[in-house]
Amino acid sequence: DPDRLARQLGSLGKRLYERAQGIDPSE
């Protein structure tokens, strides 16, 4: 649950959730 990750880990939780989806916008 991305909301749970955000509550537990803050902004790190959101970034980790995106990485687990295979998402990385960095150039």
PDB file of all heavy atoms in Angstrom:
ATOM      1  N   ASP A   1       0.854  -1.183   0.000  1.00  0.00           N
ATOM      2  CA  ASP A   1       0.000   0.000   0.000  1.00  0.00           C
ATOM      3  C   ASP A   1       0.897   1.241   0.000  1.00  0.00           C
ATOM      4  O   ASP A   1       1.636   1.466   0.960  1.00  0.00           O
ATOM      5  CB  ASP A   1      -0.882  -0.020   1.253  1.00  0.00           C
ATOM      6  CG  ASP A   1      -1.817   1.181   1.331  1.00  0.00           C
ATOM      7  OD1 ASP A   1      -1.696   2.098   0.489  1.00  0.00           O
ATOM      8  OD2 ASP A   1      -2.659   1.212   2.244  1.00  0.00           O
ATOM      9  N   PRO A   2       0.840   2.065  -1.053  1.00  0.00           N
ATOM     10  CA  PRO A   2       1.731   3.227  -1.106  1.00  0.00           C
ATOM     11  C   PRO A   2       1.489   4.222   0.022  1.00  0.00           C
ATOM     12  O   PRO A   2       2.421   4.887   0.489  1.00  0.00           O
ATOM     13  CB  PRO A   2       1.447   3.843  -2.480  1.00  0.00           C
ATOM     14  CG  PRO A   2       0.120   3.309  -2.879  1.00  0.00           C
ATOM     15  CD  PRO A   2       0.010   1.955  -2.261  1.00  0.00           C
ATOM     16  N   ASP A   3       0.243   4.329   0.476  1.00  0.00           N
ATOM     17  CA  ASP A   3      -0.046   5.239   1.589  1.00  0.00           C
ATOM     18  C   ASP A   3       0.621   4.751   2.875  1.00  0.00           C
ATOM     19  O   ASP A   3       1.133   5.551   3.660  1.00  0.00           O
ATOM     20  CB  ASP A   3      -1.560   5.350   1.795  1.00  0.00           C
ATOM     21  CG  ASP A   3      -2.248   6.065   0.634  1.00  0.00           C
ATOM     22  OD1 ASP A   3      -1.578   6.887  -0.024  1.00  0.00           O
ATOM     23  OD2 ASP A   3      -3.423   5.783   0.371  1.00  0.00           O
ATOM     24  N   ARG A   4       0.611   3.432   3.080  1.00  0.00           N
ATOM     25  CA  ARG A   4       1.270   2.877   4.265  1.00  0.00           C
ATOM     26  C   ARG A   4       2.777   3.116   4.196  1.00  0.00           C
ATOM     27  O   ARG A   4       3.410   3.493   5.205  1.00  0.00           O
ATOM     28  CB  ARG A   4       0.984   1.382   4.368  1.00  0.00           C
ATOM     29  CG  ARG A   4       1.597   0.736   5.612  1.00  0.00           C
ATOM     30  CD  ARG A   4       1.534  -0.768   5.537  1.00  0.00           C
ATOM     31  NE  ARG A   4       2.148  -1.391   6.701  1.00  0.00           N
ATOM     32  CZ  ARG A   4       2.674  -2.605   6.718  1.00  0.00           C
ATOM     33  NH1 ARG A   4       2.657  -3.341   5.618  1.00  0.00           N
ATOM     34  NH2 ARG A   4       3.212  -3.099   7.821  1.00  0.00           N
ATOM     35  N   LEU A   5       3.354   2.919   3.023  1.00  0.00           N
ATOM     36  CA  LEU A   5       4.786   3.159   2.866  1.00  0.00           C
ATOM     37  C   LEU A   5       5.127   4.618   3.160  1.00  0.00           C
ATOM     38  O   LEU A   5       6.132   4.922   3.801  1.00  0.00           O
ATOM     39  CB  LEU A   5       5.230   2.800   1.444  1.00  0.00           C
ATOM     40  CG  LEU A   5       5.240   1.309   1.087  1.00  0.00           C
ATOM     41  CD1 LEU A   5       5.528   1.137  -0.406  1.00  0.00           C
ATOM     42  CD2 LEU A   5       6.280   0.569   1.917  1.00  0.00           C
ATOM     43  N   ALA A   6       4.267   5.521   2.698  1.00  0.00           N
ATOM     44  CA  ALA A   6       4.515   6.951   2.932  1.00  0.00           C
ATOM     45  C   ALA A   6       4.414   7.278   4.419  1.00  0.00           C
ATOM     46  O   ALA A   6       5.189   8.082   4.939  1.00  0.00           O
ATOM     47  CB  ALA A   6       3.527   7.783   2.128  1.00  0.00           C
ATOM     48  N   ARG A   7       3.449   6.658   5.109  1.00  0.00           N
ATOM     49  CA  ARG A   7       3.307   6.901   6.547  1.00  0.00           C
ATOM     50  C   ARG A   7       4.505   6.364   7.314  1.00  0.00           C
ATOM     51  O   ARG A   7       4.997   6.998   8.252  1.00  0.00           O
ATOM     52  CB  ARG A   7       2.026   6.247   7.079  1.00  0.00           C
ATOM     53  CG  ARG A   7       0.726   6.953   6.680  1.00  0.00           C
ATOM     54  CD  ARG A   7      -0.434   6.452   7.527  1.00  0.00           C
ATOM     55  NE  ARG A   7      -0.610   5.013   7.422  1.00  0.00           N
ATOM     56  CZ  ARG A   7      -1.376   4.405   6.517  1.00  0.00           C
ATOM     57  NH1 ARG A   7      -2.013   5.146   5.603  1.00  0.00           N
ATOM     58  NH2 ARG A   7      -1.500   3.098   6.484  1.00  0.00           N
ATOM     59  N   GLN A   8       4.989   5.187   6.924  1.00  0.00           N
ATOM     60  CA  GLN A   8       6.072   4.533   7.657  1.00  0.00           C
ATOM     61  C   GLN A   8       7.447   5.098   7.310  1.00  0.00           C
ATOM     62  O   GLN A   8       8.324   5.216   8.172  1.00  0.00           O
ATOM     63  CB  GLN A   8       6.061   3.021   7.362  1.00  0.00           C
ATOM     64  CG  GLN A   8       4.811   2.303   7.826  1.00  0.00           C
ATOM     65  CD  GLN A   8       4.765   2.118   9.322  1.00  0.00           C
ATOM     66  OE1 GLN A   8       5.783   2.124   9.997  1.00  0.00           O
ATOM     67  NE2 GLN A   8       3.579   1.964   9.880  1.00  0.00           N
ATOM     68  N   LEU A   9       7.636   5.454   6.028  1.00  0.00           N
ATOM     69  CA  LEU A   9       8.972   5.813   5.554  1.00  0.00           C
ATOM     70  C   LEU A   9       9.065   7.217   4.985  1.00  0.00           C
ATOM     71  O   LEU A   9      10.140   7.632   4.542  1.00  0.00           O
ATOM     72  CB  LEU A   9       9.431   4.812   4.482  1.00  0.00           C
ATOM     73  CG  LEU A   9       9.423   3.329   4.880  1.00  0.00           C
ATOM     74  CD1 LEU A   9       9.790   2.464   3.689  1.00  0.00           C
ATOM     75  CD2 LEU A   9      10.382   3.078   6.031  1.00  0.00           C
ATOM     76  N   GLY A  10       7.959   7.961   4.970  1.00  0.00           N
ATOM     77  CA  GLY A  10       7.987   9.324   4.452  1.00  0.00           C
ATOM     78  C   GLY A  10       8.220   9.363   2.947  1.00  0.00           C
ATOM     79  O   GLY A  10       7.769   8.478   2.205  1.00  0.00           O
ATOM     80  N   SER A  11       8.971  10.359   2.501  1.00  0.00           N
ATOM     81  CA  SER A  11       9.215  10.516   1.069  1.00  0.00           C
ATOM     82  C   SER A  11      10.001   9.335   0.494  1.00  0.00           C
ATOM     83  O   SER A  11       9.869   9.005  -0.688  1.00  0.00           O
ATOM     84  CB  SER A  11       9.964  11.823   0.792  1.00  0.00           C
ATOM     85  OG  SER A  11      11.207  11.831   1.478  1.00  0.00           O
ATOM     86  N   LEU A  12      10.816   8.686   1.332  1.00  0.00           N
ATOM     87  CA  LEU A  12      11.551   7.507   0.881  1.00  0.00           C
ATOM     88  C   LEU A  12      10.585   6.410   0.453  1.00  0.00           C
ATOM     89  O   LEU A  12      10.825   5.716  -0.544  1.00  0.00           O
ATOM     90  CB  LEU A  12      12.466   6.999   1.989  1.00  0.00           C
ATOM     91  CG  LEU A  12      13.198   5.677   1.727  1.00  0.00           C
ATOM     92  CD1 LEU A  12      14.120   5.814   0.522  1.00  0.00           C
ATOM     93  CD2 LEU A  12      13.969   5.230   2.962  1.00  0.00           C
ATOM     94  N   GLY A  13       9.501   6.247   1.190  1.00  0.00           N
ATOM     95  CA  GLY A  13       8.514   5.234   0.850  1.00  0.00           C
ATOM     96  C   GLY A  13       7.924   5.442  -0.532  1.00  0.00           C
ATOM     97  O   GLY A  13       7.744   4.493  -1.307  1.00  0.00           O
ATOM     98  N   LYS A  14       7.643   6.696  -0.870  1.00  0.00           N
ATOM     99  CA  LYS A  14       7.095   7.003  -2.198  1.00  0.00           C
ATOM    100  C   LYS A  14       8.091   6.671  -3.288  1.00  0.00           C
ATOM    101  O   LYS A  14       7.751   6.057  -4.313  1.00  0.00           O
ATOM    102  CB  LYS A  14       6.712   8.477  -2.272  1.00  0.00           C
ATOM    103  CG  LYS A  14       6.143   8.901  -3.616  1.00  0.00           C
ATOM    104  CD  LYS A  14       5.821  10.383  -3.647  1.00  0.00           C
ATOM    105  CE  LYS A  14       5.291  10.792  -5.029  1.00  0.00           C
ATOM    106  NZ  LYS A  14       5.003  12.248  -5.091  1.00  0.00           N
ATOM    107  N   ARG A  15       9.367   7.050  -3.080  1.00  0.00           N
ATOM    108  CA  ARG A  15      10.391   6.772  -4.091  1.00  0.00           C
ATOM    109  C   ARG A  15      10.599   5.276  -4.268  1.00  0.00           C
ATOM    110  O   ARG A  15      10.733   4.790  -5.400  1.00  0.00           O
ATOM    111  CB  ARG A  15      11.719   7.435  -3.702  1.00  0.00           C
ATOM    112  CG  ARG A  15      11.716   8.946  -3.834  1.00  0.00           C
ATOM    113  CD  ARG A  15      13.137   9.489  -3.842  1.00  0.00           C
ATOM    114  NE  ARG A  15      13.884   9.119  -2.650  1.00  0.00           N
ATOM    115  CZ  ARG A  15      13.864   9.796  -1.511  1.00  0.00           C
ATOM    116  NH1 ARG A  15      13.113  10.880  -1.391  1.00  0.00           N
ATOM    117  NH2 ARG A  15      14.587   9.399  -0.483  1.00  0.00           N
ATOM    118  N   LEU A  16      10.624   4.528  -3.167  1.00  0.00           N
ATOM    119  CA  LEU A  16      10.822   3.090  -3.259  1.00  0.00           C
ATOM    120  C   LEU A  16       9.660   2.413  -3.981  1.00  0.00           C
ATOM    121  O   LEU A  16       9.859   1.474  -4.764  1.00  0.00           O
ATOM    122  CB  LEU A  16      10.993   2.488  -1.859  1.00  0.00           C
ATOM    123  CG  LEU A  16      12.296   2.822  -1.134  1.00  0.00           C
ATOM    124  CD1 LEU A  16      12.283   2.270   0.276  1.00  0.00           C
ATOM    125  CD2 LEU A  16      13.498   2.280  -1.903  1.00  0.00           C
ATOM    126  N   TYR A  17       8.451   2.888  -3.719  1.00  0.00           N
ATOM    127  CA  TYR A  17       7.276   2.319  -4.397  1.00  0.00           C
ATOM    128  C   TYR A  17       7.383   2.534  -5.904  1.00  0.00           C
ATOM    129  O   TYR A  17       7.112   1.625  -6.699  1.00  0.00           O
ATOM    130  CB  TYR A  17       6.003   2.968  -3.855  1.00  0.00           C
ATOM    131  CG  TYR A  17       4.742   2.426  -4.484  1.00  0.00           C
ATOM    132  CD1 TYR A  17       4.235   1.182  -4.100  1.00  0.00           C
ATOM    133  CD2 TYR A  17       4.063   3.152  -5.459  1.00  0.00           C
ATOM    134  CE1 TYR A  17       3.069   0.679  -4.685  1.00  0.00           C
ATOM    135  CE2 TYR A  17       2.912   2.661  -6.042  1.00  0.00           C
ATOM    136  CZ  TYR A  17       2.418   1.421  -5.647  1.00  0.00           C
ATOM    137  OH  TYR A  17       1.276   0.929  -6.240  1.00  0.00           O
ATOM    138  N   GLU A  18       7.815   3.726  -6.319  1.00  0.00           N
ATOM    139  CA  GLU A  18       7.975   4.007  -7.749  1.00  0.00           C
ATOM    140  C   GLU A  18       9.062   3.122  -8.355  1.00  0.00           C
ATOM    141  O   GLU A  18       8.893   2.571  -9.454  1.00  0.00           O
ATOM    142  CB  GLU A  18       8.331   5.478  -7.955  1.00  0.00           C
ATOM    143  CG  GLU A  18       7.184   6.439  -7.666  1.00  0.00           C
ATOM    144  CD  GLU A  18       7.609   7.881  -7.837  1.00  0.00           C
ATOM    145  OE1 GLU A  18       8.834   8.137  -7.955  1.00  0.00           O
ATOM    146  OE2 GLU A  18       6.716   8.761  -7.849  1.00  0.00           O
ATOM    147  N   ARG A  19      10.177   2.964  -7.640  1.00  0.00           N
ATOM    148  CA  ARG A  19      11.254   2.123  -8.165  1.00  0.00           C
ATOM    149  C   ARG A  19      10.785   0.680  -8.327  1.00  0.00           C
ATOM    150  O   ARG A  19      11.157   0.001  -9.294  1.00  0.00           O
ATOM    151  CB  ARG A  19      12.475   2.170  -7.241  1.00  0.00           C
ATOM    152  CG  ARG A  19      13.106   3.549  -7.061  1.00  0.00           C
ATOM    153  CD  ARG A  19      13.632   4.097  -8.374  1.00  0.00           C
ATOM    154  NE  ARG A  19      14.322   5.362  -8.191  1.00  0.00           N
ATOM    155  CZ  ARG A  19      13.752   6.557  -8.299  1.00  0.00           C
ATOM    156  NH1 ARG A  19      12.456   6.651  -8.576  1.00  0.00           N
ATOM    157  NH2 ARG A  19      14.445   7.662  -8.129  1.00  0.00           N
ATOM    158  N   ALA A  20       9.969   0.202  -7.389  1.00  0.00           N
ATOM    159  CA  ALA A  20       9.471  -1.172  -7.480  1.00  0.00           C
ATOM    160  C   ALA A  20       8.549  -1.371  -8.677  1.00  0.00           C
ATOM    161  O   ALA A  20       8.388  -2.499  -9.168  1.00  0.00           O
ATOM    162  CB  ALA A  20       8.731  -1.544  -6.189  1.00  0.00           C
ATOM    163  N   GLN A  21       7.956  -0.291  -9.167  1.00  0.00           N
ATOM    164  CA  GLN A  21       7.132  -0.360 -10.385  1.00  0.00           C
ATOM    165  C   GLN A  21       7.995  -0.265 -11.641  1.00  0.00           C
ATOM    166  O   GLN A  21       7.489  -0.316 -12.762  1.00  0.00           O
ATOM    167  CB  GLN A  21       6.112   0.784 -10.410  1.00  0.00           C
ATOM    168  CG  GLN A  21       5.325   1.016  -9.136  1.00  0.00           C
ATOM    169  CD  GLN A  21       4.516  -0.195  -8.708  1.00  0.00           C
ATOM    170  OE1 GLN A  21       3.930  -0.883  -9.537  1.00  0.00           O
ATOM    171  NE2 GLN A  21       4.500  -0.465  -7.410  1.00  0.00           N
ATOM    172  N   GLY A  22       9.302  -0.094 -11.453  1.00  0.00           N
ATOM    173  CA  GLY A  22      10.198   0.052 -12.597  1.00  0.00           C
ATOM    174  C   GLY A  22      10.313   1.477 -13.091  1.00  0.00           C
ATOM    175  O   GLY A  22      10.790   1.720 -14.203  1.00  0.00           O
ATOM    176  N   ILE A  23       9.897   2.443 -12.272  1.00  0.00           N
ATOM    177  CA  ILE A  23       9.875   3.848 -12.688  1.00  0.00           C
ATOM    178  C   ILE A  23      11.131   4.566 -12.186  1.00  0.00           C
ATOM    179  O   ILE A  23      11.468   4.486 -11.002  1.00  0.00           O
ATOM    180  CB  ILE A  23       8.611   4.555 -12.136  1.00  0.00           C
ATOM    181  CG1 ILE A  23       7.353   3.899 -12.693  1.00  0.00           C
ATOM    182  CG2 ILE A  23       8.634   6.048 -12.463  1.00  0.00           C
ATOM    183  CD1 ILE A  23       6.065   4.375 -12.032  1.00  0.00           C
ATOM    184  N   ASP A  24      11.803   5.265 -13.081  1.00  0.00           N
ATOM    185  CA  ASP A  24      12.957   6.090 -12.726  1.00  0.00           C
ATOM    186  C   ASP A  24      13.057   7.213 -13.754  1.00  0.00           C
ATOM    187  O   ASP A  24      13.502   6.994 -14.882  1.00  0.00           O
ATOM    188  CB  ASP A  24      14.244   5.269 -12.714  1.00  0.00           C
ATOM    189  CG  ASP A  24      15.478   6.126 -12.445  1.00  0.00           C
ATOM    190  OD1 ASP A  24      15.311   7.246 -11.915  1.00  0.00           O
ATOM    191  OD2 ASP A  24      16.587   5.671 -12.768  1.00  0.00           O
ATOM    192  N   PRO A  25      12.664   8.419 -13.391  1.00  0.00           N
ATOM    193  CA  PRO A  25      12.665   9.521 -14.369  1.00  0.00           C
ATOM    194  C   PRO A  25      14.015  10.207 -14.561  1.00  0.00           C
ATOM    195  O   PRO A  25      14.139  11.107 -15.393  1.00  0.00           O
ATOM    196  CB  PRO A  25      11.655  10.498 -13.754  1.00  0.00           C
ATOM    197  CG  PRO A  25      11.780  10.282 -12.274  1.00  0.00           C
ATOM    198  CD  PRO A  25      12.082   8.812 -12.098  1.00  0.00           C
ATOM    199  N   SER A  26      15.042   9.810 -13.809  1.00  0.00           N
ATOM    200  CA  SER A  26      16.310  10.533 -13.865  1.00  0.00           C
ATOM    201  C   SER A  26      16.951  10.416 -15.246  1.00  0.00           C
ATOM    202  O   SER A  26      16.858   9.382 -15.917  1.00  0.00           O
ATOM    203  CB  SER A  26      17.274  10.017 -12.794  1.00  0.00           C
ATOM    204  OG  SER A  26      17.532   8.639 -12.966  1.00  0.00           O
ATOM    205  N   GLU A  27      17.613  11.493 -15.648  1.00  0.00           N
ATOM    206  CA  GLU A  27      18.226  11.569 -16.963  1.00  0.00           C
ATOM    207  C   GLU A  27      19.706  11.225 -16.899  1.00  0.00           C
ATOM    208  O   GLU A  27      20.345  11.329 -15.850  1.00  0.00           O
ATOM    209  CB  GLU A  27      18.070  12.990 -17.527  1.00  0.00           C
ATOM    210  CG  GLU A  27      16.622  13.441 -17.726  1.00  0.00           C
ATOM    211  CD  GLU A  27      15.951  12.739 -18.891  1.00  0.00           C
ATOM    212  OE1 GLU A  27      16.682  12.265 -19.796  1.00  0.00           O
ATOM    213  OE2 GLU A  27      14.709  12.668 -18.909  1.00  0.00           O
TER     214      GLU A  27
END
